[in-house]
Amino acid sequence: MLPRRHLPPIPALMALEAVDRLGTASAAAEELSLTQGAISRALQALEAQLGVPLLTRERQRLALTPAARDYVAEVRRALHTLASASLTLRANPTGGSLNLAILPAFGMHWLAPACRVSPRRILR
């Protein structure tokens, strides 16, 4: 497990991803229900934590540096993975289930005795 100091805050990563897609801090703020100032502070804190400039400011738009474009691609995949895992958990909060269709003789002579010994042994 990586030390927590290497893990940026998720809201800052979401802000960076939204700025990449939308091009402005104002649009990202509207999408994330934050203020433009909150987005700017999150991005500045992220740059400070990583020690790498992520954005260039051109008039009213923000553009990602080449290094930040690669970083945002990875961040987007990670955020998608987290969202997908959360949806999977919400869809089946008790975990998966296993349905078996077996012959009665197999169930009576092998499966039932094995379950009496150690149900966890069979599942592993």
C-alpha atoms as a PDB file:
ATOM      1  CA  MET A   1       0.000   0.000   0.000  1.00  0.00           C
ATOM      2  CA  LEU A   2       1.326   3.412  -0.940  1.00  0.00           C
ATOM      3  CA  PRO A   3       1.655   6.037   1.769  1.00  0.00           C
ATOM      4  CA  ARG A   4      -1.370   8.318   1.936  1.00  0.00           C
ATOM      5  CA  ARG A   5       0.765  11.375   1.289  1.00  0.00           C
ATOM      6  CA  HIS A   6       1.097  10.195  -2.329  1.00  0.00           C
ATOM      7  CA  LEU A   7      -2.675  10.046  -2.808  1.00  0.00           C
ATOM      8  CA  PRO A   8      -4.214  13.353  -3.906  1.00  0.00           C
ATOM      9  CA  PRO A   9      -7.708  14.214  -2.681  1.00  0.00           C
ATOM     10  CA  ILE A  10     -10.459  12.847  -4.919  1.00  0.00           C
ATOM     11  CA  PRO A  11     -12.238  16.239  -5.164  1.00  0.00           C
ATOM     12  CA  ALA A  12      -9.038  17.770  -6.579  1.00  0.00           C
ATOM     13  CA  LEU A  13      -8.726  14.940  -9.099  1.00  0.00           C
ATOM     14  CA  MET A  14     -12.364  15.395 -10.098  1.00  0.00           C
ATOM     15  CA  ALA A  15     -11.742  19.119 -10.542  1.00  0.00           C
ATOM     16  CA  LEU A  16      -8.742  18.457 -12.779  1.00  0.00           C
ATOM     17  CA  GLU A  17     -10.670  15.933 -14.853  1.00  0.00           C
ATOM     18  CA  ALA A  18     -13.611  18.330 -15.262  1.00  0.00           C
ATOM     19  CA  VAL A  19     -11.339  21.223 -16.256  1.00  0.00           C
ATOM     20  CA  ASP A  20      -9.731  18.987 -18.863  1.00  0.00           C
ATOM     21  CA  ARG A  21     -13.100  18.083 -20.372  1.00  0.00           C
ATOM     22  CA  LEU A  22     -14.770  21.478 -20.070  1.00  0.00           C
ATOM     23  CA  GLY A  23     -11.849  23.880 -20.517  1.00  0.00           C
ATOM     24  CA  THR A  24     -12.688  26.395 -17.784  1.00  0.00           C
ATOM     25  CA  ALA A  25     -12.763  26.430 -14.013  1.00  0.00           C
ATOM     26  CA  SER A  26     -16.212  28.056 -14.146  1.00  0.00           C
ATOM     27  CA  ALA A  27     -17.694  25.216 -16.200  1.00  0.00           C
ATOM     28  CA  ALA A  28     -16.027  22.632 -13.943  1.00  0.00           C
ATOM     29  CA  ALA A  29     -17.365  24.442 -10.885  1.00  0.00           C
ATOM     30  CA  GLU A  30     -20.897  24.407 -12.270  1.00  0.00           C
ATOM     31  CA  GLU A  31     -20.716  20.698 -13.060  1.00  0.00           C
ATOM     32  CA  LEU A  32     -19.320  19.828  -9.628  1.00  0.00           C
ATOM     33  CA  SER A  33     -21.606  22.254  -7.743  1.00  0.00           C
ATOM     34  CA  LEU A  34     -18.655  24.245  -6.413  1.00  0.00           C
ATOM     35  CA  THR A  35     -17.452  27.794  -6.805  1.00  0.00           C
ATOM     36  CA  GLN A  36     -14.855  28.776  -9.365  1.00  0.00           C
ATOM     37  CA  GLY A  37     -12.582  29.746  -6.473  1.00  0.00           C
ATOM     38  CA  ALA A  38     -12.908  26.287  -4.917  1.00  0.00           C
ATOM     39  CA  ILE A  39     -11.879  24.688  -8.215  1.00  0.00           C
ATOM     40  CA  SER A  40      -8.888  27.044  -8.527  1.00  0.00           C
ATOM     41  CA  ARG A  41      -7.765  26.313  -4.960  1.00  0.00           C
ATOM     42  CA  ALA A  42      -8.133  22.554  -5.489  1.00  0.00           C
ATOM     43  CA  LEU A  43      -6.017  22.733  -8.643  1.00  0.00           C
ATOM     44  CA  GLN A  44      -3.355  24.858  -6.950  1.00  0.00           C
ATOM     45  CA  ALA A  45      -3.202  22.452  -4.003  1.00  0.00           C
ATOM     46  CA  LEU A  46      -2.925  19.507  -6.401  1.00  0.00           C
ATOM     47  CA  GLU A  47      -0.050  21.183  -8.261  1.00  0.00           C
ATOM     48  CA  ALA A  48       1.660  21.927  -4.938  1.00  0.00           C
ATOM     49  CA  GLN A  49       1.250  18.350  -3.693  1.00  0.00           C
ATOM     50  CA  LEU A  50       2.518  16.821  -6.927  1.00  0.00           C
ATOM     51  CA  GLY A  51       5.239  19.412  -7.400  1.00  0.00           C
ATOM     52  CA  VAL A  52       4.457  19.635 -11.105  1.00  0.00           C
ATOM     53  CA  PRO A  53       2.657  22.370 -13.049  1.00  0.00           C
ATOM     54  CA  LEU A  54      -0.545  20.887 -14.453  1.00  0.00           C
ATOM     55  CA  LEU A  55      -2.175  23.834 -16.187  1.00  0.00           C
ATOM     56  CA  THR A  56      -1.336  26.765 -18.358  1.00  0.00           C
ATOM     57  CA  ARG A  57      -3.636  29.736 -18.262  1.00  0.00           C
ATOM     58  CA  GLU A  58      -4.504  31.199 -21.657  1.00  0.00           C
ATOM     59  CA  ARG A  59      -6.981  34.093 -21.494  1.00  0.00           C
ATOM     60  CA  GLN A  60     -10.183  32.639 -20.028  1.00  0.00           C
ATOM     61  CA  ARG A  61      -9.301  28.986 -20.684  1.00  0.00           C
ATOM     62  CA  LEU A  62      -7.142  26.478 -18.885  1.00  0.00           C
ATOM     63  CA  ALA A  63      -5.017  24.013 -20.830  1.00  0.00           C
ATOM     64  CA  LEU A  64      -3.301  20.955 -19.449  1.00  0.00           C
ATOM     65  CA  THR A  65       0.447  20.587 -19.777  1.00  0.00           C
ATOM     66  CA  PRO A  66       1.603  17.525 -21.743  1.00  0.00           C
ATOM     67  CA  ALA A  67       2.499  15.714 -18.505  1.00  0.00           C
ATOM     68  CA  ALA A  68      -0.902  16.566 -17.045  1.00  0.00           C
ATOM     69  CA  ARG A  69      -2.694  15.127 -20.098  1.00  0.00           C
ATOM     70  CA  ASP A  70      -1.101  11.736 -19.414  1.00  0.00           C
ATOM     71  CA  TYR A  71      -1.883  12.077 -15.710  1.00  0.00           C
ATOM     72  CA  VAL A  72      -5.526  12.979 -16.350  1.00  0.00           C
ATOM     73  CA  ALA A  73      -5.969   9.919 -18.573  1.00  0.00           C
ATOM     74  CA  GLU A  74      -4.879   7.726 -15.656  1.00  0.00           C
ATOM     75  CA  VAL A  75      -6.993   9.718 -13.186  1.00  0.00           C
ATOM     76  CA  ARG A  76     -10.050   9.328 -15.432  1.00  0.00           C
ATOM     77  CA  ARG A  77      -9.541   5.541 -15.534  1.00  0.00           C
ATOM     78  CA  ALA A  78      -9.117   5.414 -11.744  1.00  0.00           C
ATOM     79  CA  LEU A  79     -12.242   7.508 -11.129  1.00  0.00           C
ATOM     80  CA  HIS A  80     -14.189   5.286 -13.520  1.00  0.00           C
ATOM     81  CA  THR A  81     -12.966   2.192 -11.664  1.00  0.00           C
ATOM     82  CA  LEU A  82     -14.017   3.660  -8.304  1.00  0.00           C
ATOM     83  CA  ALA A  83     -17.444   4.631  -9.636  1.00  0.00           C
ATOM     84  CA  SER A  84     -17.924   1.202 -11.186  1.00  0.00           C
ATOM     85  CA  ALA A  85     -16.950  -0.557  -7.947  1.00  0.00           C
ATOM     86  CA  SER A  86     -19.395   1.615  -6.002  1.00  0.00           C
ATOM     87  CA  LEU A  87     -22.223   0.833  -8.430  1.00  0.00           C
ATOM     88  CA  THR A  88     -21.470  -2.870  -8.201  1.00  0.00           C
ATOM     89  CA  LEU A  89     -21.549  -2.734  -4.405  1.00  0.00           C
ATOM     90  CA  ARG A  90     -24.823  -0.802  -4.365  1.00  0.00           C
ATOM     91  CA  ALA A  91     -26.401  -3.253  -6.798  1.00  0.00           C
ATOM     92  CA  ASN A  92     -25.510  -6.246  -4.610  1.00  0.00           C
ATOM     93  CA  PRO A  93     -24.590  -5.115  -1.070  1.00  0.00           C
ATOM     94  CA  THR A  94     -24.543  -8.629   0.398  1.00  0.00           C
ATOM     95  CA  GLY A  95     -22.023  -9.929  -2.131  1.00  0.00           C
ATOM     96  CA  GLY A  96     -22.386 -12.437  -4.883  1.00  0.00           C
ATOM     97  CA  SER A  97     -24.379 -15.606  -4.910  1.00  0.00           C
ATOM     98  CA  LEU A  98     -23.681 -18.995  -6.379  1.00  0.00           C
ATOM     99  CA  ASN A  99     -26.368 -21.139  -7.940  1.00  0.00           C
ATOM    100  CA  LEU A 100     -25.507 -24.750  -8.619  1.00  0.00           C
ATOM    101  CA  ALA A 101     -27.270 -27.314 -10.748  1.00  0.00           C
ATOM    102  CA  ILE A 102     -25.892 -30.729  -9.840  1.00  0.00           C
ATOM    103  CA  LEU A 103     -26.918 -34.329 -10.037  1.00  0.00           C
ATOM    104  CA  PRO A 104     -28.594 -35.582  -6.841  1.00  0.00           C
ATOM    105  CA  ALA A 105     -26.044 -38.358  -6.361  1.00  0.00           C
ATOM    106  CA  PHE A 106     -23.158 -35.890  -6.488  1.00  0.00           C
ATOM    107  CA  GLY A 107     -24.900 -33.617  -4.004  1.00  0.00           C
ATOM    108  CA  MET A 108     -25.702 -36.397  -1.585  1.00  0.00           C
ATOM    109  CA  HIS A 109     -22.371 -38.190  -1.666  1.00  0.00           C
ATOM    110  CA  TRP A 110     -19.832 -35.401  -2.101  1.00  0.00           C
ATOM    111  CA  LEU A 111     -21.193 -31.876  -1.706  1.00  0.00           C
ATOM    112  CA  ALA A 112     -23.382 -32.314   1.394  1.00  0.00           C
ATOM    113  CA  PRO A 113     -20.688 -34.132   3.432  1.00  0.00           C
ATOM    114  CA  ALA A 114     -18.072 -31.562   2.410  1.00  0.00           C
ATOM    115  CA  CYS A 115     -20.358 -28.684   3.476  1.00  0.00           C
ATOM    116  CA  ARG A 116     -20.805 -30.210   6.902  1.00  0.00           C
ATOM    117  CA  VAL A 117     -17.031 -30.268   7.363  1.00  0.00           C
ATOM    118  CA  SER A 118     -16.158 -26.738   6.253  1.00  0.00           C
ATOM    119  CA  PRO A 119     -18.331 -24.601   3.971  1.00  0.00           C
ATOM    120  CA  ARG A 120     -15.522 -22.072   3.539  1.00  0.00           C
ATOM    121  CA  ARG A 121     -13.168 -24.781   2.289  1.00  0.00           C
ATOM    122  CA  ILE A 122     -15.398 -25.450  -0.697  1.00  0.00           C
ATOM    123  CA  LEU A 123     -15.755 -21.782  -1.587  1.00  0.00           C
ATOM    124  CA  ARG A 124     -12.018 -21.168  -1.801  1.00  0.00           C
END
